[in-house]
Amino acid sequence: MTAEPAVLFDLDPAPAEPVSGVPASRFDPASYDAALTGDGYGWLAALLPAPQPPACGGCGQPMSLPAAAPVLWACPACQPAEVAA
């Protein structure tokens, strides 16, 4: 076989990407940190409708979100201590 072997790694280097953005040294990064973090996801919660409570698997009553853990649904009939907490 006299054909030339395929060259896999003999590529010219890619040109450098242009630098974009603003140098951080020109501005106070703390003001940008506050603007980027904002109020968490409070703005999104204001846009969404209130969550519909699921029915309790034990008694069928609508569950509620306790103040102590507002991400965990609790049944006021089956778990009164959780709801009151």
PDB file of N, CA and C in Angstrom:
ATOM      1  N   MET A   1       0.829  -1.161   0.000  1.00  0.00           N
ATOM      2  CA  MET A   1       0.000   0.000   0.000  1.00  0.00           C
ATOM      3  C   MET A   1       0.884   1.238   0.000  1.00  0.00           C
ATOM      4  N   THR A   2       0.708   2.071  -0.948  1.00  0.00           N
ATOM      5  CA  THR A   2       1.530   3.272  -1.041  1.00  0.00           C
ATOM      6  C   THR A   2       0.745   4.540  -0.734  1.00  0.00           C
ATOM      7  N   ALA A   3      -0.499   4.412  -0.389  1.00  0.00           N
ATOM      8  CA  ALA A   3      -1.310   5.598  -0.081  1.00  0.00           C
ATOM      9  C   ALA A   3      -0.834   6.217   1.228  1.00  0.00           C
ATOM     10  N   GLU A   4      -0.960   7.522   1.310  1.00  0.00           N
ATOM     11  CA  GLU A   4      -0.549   8.219   2.531  1.00  0.00           C
ATOM     12  C   GLU A   4      -1.543   7.917   3.654  1.00  0.00           C
ATOM     13  N   PRO A   5      -1.045   7.709   4.866  1.00  0.00           N
ATOM     14  CA  PRO A   5      -1.965   7.468   5.984  1.00  0.00           C
ATOM     15  C   PRO A   5      -2.740   8.746   6.323  1.00  0.00           C
ATOM     16  N   ALA A   6      -3.936   8.558   6.814  1.00  0.00           N
ATOM     17  CA  ALA A   6      -4.757   9.711   7.212  1.00  0.00           C
ATOM     18  C   ALA A   6      -4.124  10.368   8.435  1.00  0.00           C
ATOM     19  N   VAL A   7      -4.042  11.657   8.398  1.00  0.00           N
ATOM     20  CA  VAL A   7      -3.447  12.405   9.501  1.00  0.00           C
ATOM     21  C   VAL A   7      -4.583  12.895  10.397  1.00  0.00           C
ATOM     22  N   LEU A   8      -4.575  12.463  11.647  1.00  0.00           N
ATOM     23  CA  LEU A   8      -5.650  12.822  12.567  1.00  0.00           C
ATOM     24  C   LEU A   8      -5.332  14.036  13.424  1.00  0.00           C
ATOM     25  N   PHE A   9      -4.071  14.198  13.779  1.00  0.00           N
ATOM     26  CA  PHE A   9      -3.734  15.216  14.765  1.00  0.00           C
ATOM     27  C   PHE A   9      -2.838  16.311  14.208  1.00  0.00           C
ATOM     28  N   ASP A  10      -2.834  16.507  12.932  1.00  0.00           N
ATOM     29  CA  ASP A  10      -1.985  17.524  12.328  1.00  0.00           C
ATOM     30  C   ASP A  10      -2.852  18.690  11.851  1.00  0.00           C
ATOM     31  N   LEU A  11      -3.602  19.269  12.783  1.00  0.00           N
ATOM     32  CA  LEU A  11      -4.481  20.386  12.444  1.00  0.00           C
ATOM     33  C   LEU A  11      -3.857  21.689  12.905  1.00  0.00           C
ATOM     34  N   ASP A  12      -4.149  22.754  12.178  1.00  0.00           N
ATOM     35  CA  ASP A  12      -3.686  24.070  12.603  1.00  0.00           C
ATOM     36  C   ASP A  12      -4.444  24.466  13.862  1.00  0.00           C
ATOM     37  N   PRO A  13      -3.800  25.180  14.767  1.00  0.00           N
ATOM     38  CA  PRO A  13      -4.509  25.609  15.978  1.00  0.00           C
ATOM     39  C   PRO A  13      -5.649  26.568  15.617  1.00  0.00           C
ATOM     40  N   ALA A  14      -6.724  26.458  16.358  1.00  0.00           N
ATOM     41  CA  ALA A  14      -7.874  27.322  16.122  1.00  0.00           C
ATOM     42  C   ALA A  14      -7.536  28.731  16.572  1.00  0.00           C
ATOM     43  N   PRO A  15      -8.051  29.740  15.866  1.00  0.00           N
ATOM     44  CA  PRO A  15      -7.768  31.115  16.304  1.00  0.00           C
ATOM     45  C   PRO A  15      -8.402  31.394  17.661  1.00  0.00           C
ATOM     46  N   ALA A  16      -7.776  32.258  18.415  1.00  0.00           N
ATOM     47  CA  ALA A  16      -8.277  32.588  19.753  1.00  0.00           C
ATOM     48  C   ALA A  16      -9.613  33.316  19.636  1.00  0.00           C
ATOM     49  N   GLU A  17     -10.502  33.027  20.571  1.00  0.00           N
ATOM     50  CA  GLU A  17     -11.807  33.688  20.617  1.00  0.00           C
ATOM     51  C   GLU A  17     -11.601  35.146  21.019  1.00  0.00           C
ATOM     52  N   PRO A  18     -12.384  36.052  20.445  1.00  0.00           N
ATOM     53  CA  PRO A  18     -12.235  37.451  20.872  1.00  0.00           C
ATOM     54  C   PRO A  18     -12.699  37.633  22.307  1.00  0.00           C
ATOM     55  N   VAL A  19     -12.029  38.509  23.011  1.00  0.00           N
ATOM     56  CA  VAL A  19     -12.370  38.781  24.400  1.00  0.00           C
ATOM     57  C   VAL A  19     -13.565  39.729  24.414  1.00  0.00           C
ATOM     58  N   SER A  20     -14.566  39.398  25.210  1.00  0.00           N
ATOM     59  CA  SER A  20     -15.735  40.264  25.296  1.00  0.00           C
ATOM     60  C   SER A  20     -16.055  40.540  26.755  1.00  0.00           C
ATOM     61  N   GLY A  21     -16.908  41.494  26.983  1.00  0.00           N
ATOM     62  CA  GLY A  21     -17.308  41.816  28.343  1.00  0.00           C
ATOM     63  C   GLY A  21     -16.594  43.062  28.838  1.00  0.00           C
ATOM     64  N   VAL A  22     -16.873  43.409  30.049  1.00  0.00           N
ATOM     65  CA  VAL A  22     -16.299  44.597  30.674  1.00  0.00           C
ATOM     66  C   VAL A  22     -15.408  44.138  31.815  1.00  0.00           C
ATOM     67  N   PRO A  23     -14.225  44.661  31.920  1.00  0.00           N
ATOM     68  CA  PRO A  23     -13.359  44.266  33.037  1.00  0.00           C
ATOM     69  C   PRO A  23     -14.013  44.588  34.377  1.00  0.00           C
ATOM     70  N   ALA A  24     -13.949  43.666  35.303  1.00  0.00           N
ATOM     71  CA  ALA A  24     -14.590  43.837  36.608  1.00  0.00           C
ATOM     72  C   ALA A  24     -13.919  44.925  37.431  1.00  0.00           C
ATOM     73  N   SER A  25     -12.702  45.265  37.123  1.00  0.00           N
ATOM     74  CA  SER A  25     -11.996  46.261  37.926  1.00  0.00           C
ATOM     75  C   SER A  25     -12.543  47.668  37.731  1.00  0.00           C
ATOM     76  N   ARG A  26     -13.326  47.889  36.694  1.00  0.00           N
ATOM     77  CA  ARG A  26     -13.854  49.221  36.433  1.00  0.00           C
ATOM     78  C   ARG A  26     -15.120  49.514  37.234  1.00  0.00           C
ATOM     79  N   PHE A  27     -15.769  48.488  37.755  1.00  0.00           N
ATOM     80  CA  PHE A  27     -17.041  48.654  38.428  1.00  0.00           C
ATOM     81  C   PHE A  27     -17.031  47.917  39.755  1.00  0.00           C
ATOM     82  N   ASP A  28     -17.937  48.299  40.624  1.00  0.00           N
ATOM     83  CA  ASP A  28     -18.066  47.637  41.917  1.00  0.00           C
ATOM     84  C   ASP A  28     -18.812  46.319  41.724  1.00  0.00           C
ATOM     85  N   PRO A  29     -18.172  45.160  41.915  1.00  0.00           N
ATOM     86  CA  PRO A  29     -18.861  43.886  41.685  1.00  0.00           C
ATOM     87  C   PRO A  29     -19.992  43.620  42.671  1.00  0.00           C
ATOM     88  N   ALA A  30     -19.969  44.273  43.840  1.00  0.00           N
ATOM     89  CA  ALA A  30     -21.027  44.027  44.825  1.00  0.00           C
ATOM     90  C   ALA A  30     -22.385  44.470  44.302  1.00  0.00           C
ATOM     91  N   SER A  31     -22.429  45.565  43.564  1.00  0.00           N
ATOM     92  CA  SER A  31     -23.715  46.023  43.032  1.00  0.00           C
ATOM     93  C   SER A  31     -24.236  45.045  41.980  1.00  0.00           C
ATOM     94  N   TYR A  32     -23.341  44.449  41.213  1.00  0.00           N
ATOM     95  CA  TYR A  32     -23.777  43.468  40.223  1.00  0.00           C
ATOM     96  C   TYR A  32     -24.207  42.168  40.888  1.00  0.00           C
ATOM     97  N   ASP A  33     -23.538  41.784  41.963  1.00  0.00           N
ATOM     98  CA  ASP A  33     -23.950  40.584  42.688  1.00  0.00           C
ATOM     99  C   ASP A  33     -25.377  40.723  43.184  1.00  0.00           C
ATOM    100  N   ALA A  34     -25.722  41.882  43.750  1.00  0.00           N
ATOM    101  CA  ALA A  34     -27.069  42.106  44.254  1.00  0.00           C
ATOM    102  C   ALA A  34     -28.078  42.098  43.115  1.00  0.00           C
ATOM    103  N   ALA A  35     -27.703  42.671  41.971  1.00  0.00           N
ATOM    104  CA  ALA A  35     -28.620  42.712  40.838  1.00  0.00           C
ATOM    105  C   ALA A  35     -28.830  41.321  40.251  1.00  0.00           C
ATOM    106  N   LEU A  36     -27.789  40.512  40.241  1.00  0.00           N
ATOM    107  CA  LEU A  36     -27.905  39.176  39.661  1.00  0.00           C
ATOM    108  C   LEU A  36     -28.663  38.221  40.575  1.00  0.00           C
ATOM    109  N   THR A  37     -28.437  38.299  41.871  1.00  0.00           N
ATOM    110  CA  THR A  37     -29.133  37.395  42.779  1.00  0.00           C
ATOM    111  C   THR A  37     -30.563  37.847  43.009  1.00  0.00           C
ATOM    112  N   GLY A  38     -30.809  39.140  43.020  1.00  0.00           N
ATOM    113  CA  GLY A  38     -32.170  39.649  43.179  1.00  0.00           C
ATOM    114  C   GLY A  38     -32.801  39.184  44.474  1.00  0.00           C
ATOM    115  N   ASP A  39     -34.077  38.897  44.417  1.00  0.00           N
ATOM    116  CA  ASP A  39     -34.803  38.465  45.612  1.00  0.00           C
ATOM    117  C   ASP A  39     -35.007  36.954  45.595  1.00  0.00           C
ATOM    118  N   GLY A  40     -34.073  36.238  45.028  1.00  0.00           N
ATOM    119  CA  GLY A  40     -34.239  34.791  44.910  1.00  0.00           C
ATOM    120  C   GLY A  40     -35.245  34.509  43.804  1.00  0.00           C
ATOM    121  N   TYR A  41     -36.231  33.703  44.096  1.00  0.00           N
ATOM    122  CA  TYR A  41     -37.271  33.415  43.125  1.00  0.00           C
ATOM    123  C   TYR A  41     -38.600  34.020  43.541  1.00  0.00           C
ATOM    124  N   GLY A  42     -38.551  35.082  44.354  1.00  0.00           N
ATOM    125  CA  GLY A  42     -39.770  35.750  44.776  1.00  0.00           C
ATOM    126  C   GLY A  42     -40.551  36.318  43.605  1.00  0.00           C
ATOM    127  N   TRP A  43     -39.846  36.819  42.601  1.00  0.00           N
ATOM    128  CA  TRP A  43     -40.513  37.360  41.425  1.00  0.00           C
ATOM    129  C   TRP A  43     -41.266  36.274  40.673  1.00  0.00           C
ATOM    130  N   LEU A  44     -40.714  35.058  40.656  1.00  0.00           N
ATOM    131  CA  LEU A  44     -41.378  33.956  39.970  1.00  0.00           C
ATOM    132  C   LEU A  44     -42.591  33.490  40.760  1.00  0.00           C
ATOM    133  N   ALA A  45     -42.478  33.429  42.077  1.00  0.00           N
ATOM    134  CA  ALA A  45     -43.609  33.023  42.906  1.00  0.00           C
ATOM    135  C   ALA A  45     -44.767  33.996  42.755  1.00  0.00           C
ATOM    136  N   ALA A  46     -44.470  35.283  42.553  1.00  0.00           N
ATOM    137  CA  ALA A  46     -45.527  36.270  42.377  1.00  0.00           C
ATOM    138  C   ALA A  46     -46.263  36.069  41.058  1.00  0.00           C
ATOM    139  N   LEU A  47     -45.592  35.507  40.059  1.00  0.00           N
ATOM    140  CA  LEU A  47     -46.222  35.282  38.755  1.00  0.00           C
ATOM    141  C   LEU A  47     -47.062  34.008  38.716  1.00  0.00           C
ATOM    142  N   LEU A  48     -46.711  33.042  39.537  1.00  0.00           N
ATOM    143  CA  LEU A  48     -47.385  31.744  39.494  1.00  0.00           C
ATOM    144  C   LEU A  48     -48.646  31.747  40.358  1.00  0.00           C
ATOM    145  N   PRO A  49     -49.650  30.954  39.970  1.00  0.00           N
ATOM    146  CA  PRO A  49     -50.837  30.844  40.823  1.00  0.00           C
ATOM    147  C   PRO A  49     -50.501  30.074  42.098  1.00  0.00           C
ATOM    148  N   ALA A  50     -51.346  30.219  43.101  1.00  0.00           N
ATOM    149  CA  ALA A  50     -51.135  29.500  44.363  1.00  0.00           C
ATOM    150  C   ALA A  50     -51.202  27.993  44.092  1.00  0.00           C
ATOM    151  N   PRO A  51     -50.380  27.209  44.782  1.00  0.00           N
ATOM    152  CA  PRO A  51     -50.406  25.769  44.550  1.00  0.00           C
ATOM    153  C   PRO A  51     -51.722  25.153  45.032  1.00  0.00           C
ATOM    154  N   GLN A  52     -52.218  24.207  44.272  1.00  0.00           N
ATOM    155  CA  GLN A  52     -53.442  23.510  44.647  1.00  0.00           C
ATOM    156  C   GLN A  52     -53.080  22.377  45.597  1.00  0.00           C
ATOM    157  N   PRO A  53     -53.706  22.315  46.767  1.00  0.00           N
ATOM    158  CA  PRO A  53     -53.329  21.280  47.734  1.00  0.00           C
ATOM    159  C   PRO A  53     -53.775  19.897  47.266  1.00  0.00           C
ATOM    160  N   PRO A  54     -52.894  18.917  47.426  1.00  0.00           N
ATOM    161  CA  PRO A  54     -53.287  17.551  47.096  1.00  0.00           C
ATOM    162  C   PRO A  54     -54.203  16.987  48.183  1.00  0.00           C
ATOM    163  N   ALA A  55     -54.908  15.946  47.843  1.00  0.00           N
ATOM    164  CA  ALA A  55     -55.762  15.271  48.830  1.00  0.00           C
ATOM    165  C   ALA A  55     -54.907  14.327  49.666  1.00  0.00           C
ATOM    166  N   CYS A  56     -55.232  14.229  50.944  1.00  0.00           N
ATOM    167  CA  CYS A  56     -54.532  13.328  51.853  1.00  0.00           C
ATOM    168  C   CYS A  56     -54.810  11.890  51.426  1.00  0.00           C
ATOM    169  N   GLY A  57     -53.794  11.075  51.444  1.00  0.00           N
ATOM    170  CA  GLY A  57     -53.960   9.667  51.097  1.00  0.00           C
ATOM    171  C   GLY A  57     -54.729   8.889  52.148  1.00  0.00           C
ATOM    172  N   GLY A  58     -54.745   9.374  53.391  1.00  0.00           N
ATOM    173  CA  GLY A  58     -55.430   8.670  54.472  1.00  0.00           C
ATOM    174  C   GLY A  58     -56.904   9.014  54.587  1.00  0.00           C
ATOM    175  N   CYS A  59     -57.229  10.327  54.571  1.00  0.00           N
ATOM    176  CA  CYS A  59     -58.619  10.726  54.823  1.00  0.00           C
ATOM    177  C   CYS A  59     -59.251  11.456  53.645  1.00  0.00           C
ATOM    178  N   GLY A  60     -58.474  11.885  52.664  1.00  0.00           N
ATOM    179  CA  GLY A  60     -59.017  12.546  51.494  1.00  0.00           C
ATOM    180  C   GLY A  60     -59.192  14.052  51.624  1.00  0.00           C
ATOM    181  N   GLN A  61     -58.912  14.635  52.799  1.00  0.00           N
ATOM    182  CA  GLN A  61     -59.039  16.074  52.983  1.00  0.00           C
ATOM    183  C   GLN A  61     -57.897  16.801  52.263  1.00  0.00           C
ATOM    184  N   PRO A  62     -58.141  18.053  51.849  1.00  0.00           N
ATOM    185  CA  PRO A  62     -57.039  18.815  51.249  1.00  0.00           C
ATOM    186  C   PRO A  62     -55.937  19.072  52.273  1.00  0.00           C
ATOM    187  N   MET A  63     -54.718  18.951  51.843  1.00  0.00           N
ATOM    188  CA  MET A  63     -53.576  19.172  52.719  1.00  0.00           C
ATOM    189  C   MET A  63     -53.219  20.656  52.724  1.00  0.00           C
ATOM    190  N   SER A  64     -52.353  21.075  53.646  1.00  0.00           N
ATOM    191  CA  SER A  64     -51.924  22.466  53.718  1.00  0.00           C
ATOM    192  C   SER A  64     -50.413  22.527  53.867  1.00  0.00           C
ATOM    193  N   LEU A  65     -49.871  23.715  53.628  1.00  0.00           N
ATOM    194  CA  LEU A  65     -48.432  23.936  53.779  1.00  0.00           C
ATOM    195  C   LEU A  65     -48.174  24.552  55.152  1.00  0.00           C
ATOM    196  N   PRO A  66     -47.536  23.829  56.056  1.00  0.00           N
ATOM    197  CA  PRO A  66     -47.262  24.375  57.389  1.00  0.00           C
ATOM    198  C   PRO A  66     -46.281  25.536  57.317  1.00  0.00           C
ATOM    199  N   ALA A  67     -46.389  26.460  58.254  1.00  0.00           N
ATOM    200  CA  ALA A  67     -45.487  27.613  58.295  1.00  0.00           C
ATOM    201  C   ALA A  67     -44.052  27.184  58.594  1.00  0.00           C
ATOM    202  N   ALA A  68     -43.871  26.133  59.395  1.00  0.00           N
ATOM    203  CA  ALA A  68     -42.518  25.687  59.764  1.00  0.00           C
ATOM    204  C   ALA A  68     -41.777  25.083  58.571  1.00  0.00           C
ATOM    205  N   ALA A  69     -42.486  24.425  57.675  1.00  0.00           N
ATOM    206  CA  ALA A  69     -41.877  23.810  56.494  1.00  0.00           C
ATOM    207  C   ALA A  69     -42.821  24.026  55.307  1.00  0.00           C
ATOM    208  N   PRO A  70     -42.799  25.226  54.689  1.00  0.00           N
ATOM    209  CA  PRO A  70     -43.773  25.538  53.654  1.00  0.00           C
ATOM    210  C   PRO A  70     -43.565  24.822  52.327  1.00  0.00           C
ATOM    211  N   VAL A  71     -42.709  23.830  52.291  1.00  0.00           N
ATOM    212  CA  VAL A  71     -42.538  23.045  51.068  1.00  0.00           C
ATOM    213  C   VAL A  71     -43.055  21.620  51.251  1.00  0.00           C
ATOM    214  N   LEU A  72     -43.467  21.265  52.462  1.00  0.00           N
ATOM    215  CA  LEU A  72     -43.953  19.912  52.745  1.00  0.00           C
ATOM    216  C   LEU A  72     -45.449  19.968  53.060  1.00  0.00           C
ATOM    217  N   TRP A  73     -46.242  19.265  52.285  1.00  0.00           N
ATOM    218  CA  TRP A  73     -47.689  19.239  52.521  1.00  0.00           C
ATOM    219  C   TRP A  73     -47.981  18.405  53.766  1.00  0.00           C
ATOM    220  N   ALA A  74     -48.948  18.835  54.563  1.00  0.00           N
ATOM    221  CA  ALA A  74     -49.364  18.109  55.761  1.00  0.00           C
ATOM    222  C   ALA A  74     -50.891  18.119  55.828  1.00  0.00           C
ATOM    223  N   CYS A  75     -51.471  17.048  56.346  1.00  0.00           N
ATOM    224  CA  CYS A  75     -52.920  16.938  56.473  1.00  0.00           C
ATOM    225  C   CYS A  75     -53.328  17.476  57.827  1.00  0.00           C
ATOM    226  N   PRO A  76     -54.269  18.452  57.873  1.00  0.00           N
ATOM    227  CA  PRO A  76     -54.694  18.989  59.164  1.00  0.00           C
ATOM    228  C   PRO A  76     -55.422  17.964  60.034  1.00  0.00           C
ATOM    229  N   ALA A  77     -56.033  16.940  59.422  1.00  0.00           N
ATOM    230  CA  ALA A  77     -56.745  15.922  60.194  1.00  0.00           C
ATOM    231  C   ALA A  77     -55.816  14.807  60.662  1.00  0.00           C
ATOM    232  N   CYS A  78     -54.946  14.351  59.779  1.00  0.00           N
ATOM    233  CA  CYS A  78     -54.072  13.223  60.110  1.00  0.00           C
ATOM    234  C   CYS A  78     -52.784  13.664  60.818  1.00  0.00           C
ATOM    235  N   GLN A  79     -52.323  14.886  60.580  1.00  0.00           N
ATOM    236  CA  GLN A  79     -51.072  15.372  61.154  1.00  0.00           C
ATOM    237  C   GLN A  79     -51.279  16.762  61.767  1.00  0.00           C
ATOM    238  N   PRO A  80     -52.135  16.885  62.761  1.00  0.00           N
ATOM    239  CA  PRO A  80     -52.425  18.220  63.322  1.00  0.00           C
ATOM    240  C   PRO A  80     -51.201  18.880  63.941  1.00  0.00           C
ATOM    241  N   ALA A  81     -50.289  18.114  64.492  1.00  0.00           N
ATOM    242  CA  ALA A  81     -49.076  18.695  65.099  1.00  0.00           C
ATOM    243  C   ALA A  81     -48.199  19.337  64.029  1.00  0.00           C
ATOM    244  N   GLU A  82     -48.158  18.754  62.851  1.00  0.00           N
ATOM    245  CA  GLU A  82     -47.336  19.309  61.764  1.00  0.00           C
ATOM    246  C   GLU A  82     -47.923  20.632  61.248  1.00  0.00           C
ATOM    247  N   VAL A  83     -49.236  20.674  61.134  1.00  0.00           N
ATOM    248  CA  VAL A  83     -49.890  21.868  60.606  1.00  0.00           C
ATOM    249  C   VAL A  83     -49.798  23.013  61.609  1.00  0.00           C
ATOM    250  N   ALA A  84     -49.920  22.713  62.896  1.00  0.00           N
ATOM    251  CA  ALA A  84     -49.895  23.746  63.930  1.00  0.00           C
ATOM    252  C   ALA A  84     -48.488  24.290  64.150  1.00  0.00           C
ATOM    253  N   ALA A  85     -47.461  23.532  63.817  1.00  0.00           N
ATOM    254  CA  ALA A  85     -46.073  23.946  64.063  1.00  0.00           C
ATOM    255  C   ALA A  85     -45.643  25.114  63.225  1.00  0.00           C
TER     256      ALA A  85
END
